[in-house]
Amino acid sequence: MGIGKKLQNIGHIAEGKSKESTGKAVGNESLEMKGKAEKIKGMVKHAAEKAKDALKH
């Protein structure tokens, strides 16, 4: 996995976690759901990159 893609995916995960936490703290369900979606998006992309790398080797 390229370092750029890895950092981008980790960034999505971190940003999603922060949005989710903020949404919970202020009682904003919409922000909480957007955060969960972004976190999951980052996790799925990260897993896909890892699988792609495993097939290369």
Protein backbone atom coordinates (compact mmCIF):
# COMPACT_ATOMS: atom_id res chain seq x y z
CA MET A 1 0.00 0.00 0.00
CA GLY A 2 1.33 3.41 -0.87
CA ILE A 3 2.07 5.69 2.05
CA GLY A 4 -0.16 8.40 0.59
CA LYS A 5 -3.21 6.15 0.36
CA LYS A 6 -2.52 4.72 3.80
CA LEU A 7 -2.40 8.20 5.33
CA GLN A 8 -5.51 9.25 3.44
CA ASN A 9 -7.45 6.23 4.72
CA ILE A 10 -6.25 6.78 8.29
CA GLY A 11 -7.27 10.43 7.91
CA HIS A 12 -10.81 9.39 6.95
CA ILE A 13 -10.98 7.08 9.95
CA ALA A 14 -9.74 9.77 12.35
CA GLU A 15 -12.00 12.45 10.90
CA GLY A 16 -14.97 10.11 11.11
CA LYS A 17 -14.22 9.31 14.75
CA SER A 18 -13.99 13.00 15.63
CA LYS A 19 -17.26 13.82 13.83
CA GLU A 20 -18.96 10.89 15.54
CA SER A 21 -17.72 11.96 18.98
CA THR A 22 -18.71 15.58 18.39
CA GLY A 23 -22.15 14.51 17.21
CA LYS A 24 -22.65 12.42 20.35
CA ALA A 25 -21.42 15.24 22.59
CA VAL A 26 -23.76 17.87 21.19
CA GLY A 27 -26.67 15.51 20.48
CA ASN A 28 -26.49 15.97 16.71
CA GLU A 29 -27.52 12.61 15.22
CA SER A 30 -26.86 13.76 11.66
CA LEU A 31 -23.23 14.63 12.43
CA GLU A 32 -22.84 11.38 14.37
CA MET A 33 -24.11 9.32 11.41
CA LYS A 34 -21.90 11.22 8.95
CA GLY A 35 -18.93 10.49 11.20
CA LYS A 36 -19.76 6.78 11.37
CA ALA A 37 -20.13 6.64 7.59
CA GLU A 38 -16.79 8.36 7.02
CA LYS A 39 -15.06 6.12 9.54
CA ILE A 40 -16.45 3.00 7.86
CA LYS A 41 -15.47 4.35 4.45
CA GLY A 42 -11.87 4.75 5.62
CA MET A 43 -11.82 1.30 7.20
CA VAL A 44 -13.18 -0.36 4.04
CA LYS A 45 -10.68 1.42 1.81
CA HIS A 46 -7.85 0.53 4.20
CA ALA A 47 -8.88 -3.14 4.18
CA ALA A 48 -9.14 -3.13 0.37
CA GLU A 49 -5.63 -1.71 0.05
CA LYS A 50 -4.28 -4.33 2.45
CA ALA A 51 -5.96 -7.11 0.46
CA LYS A 52 -4.56 -5.72 -2.77
CA ASP A 53 -1.08 -5.69 -1.27
CA ALA A 54 -1.48 -9.26 -0.02
CA LEU A 55 -2.30 -10.41 -3.56
CA LYS A 56 0.80 -8.72 -4.94
CA HIS A 57 3.17 -10.65 -2.70
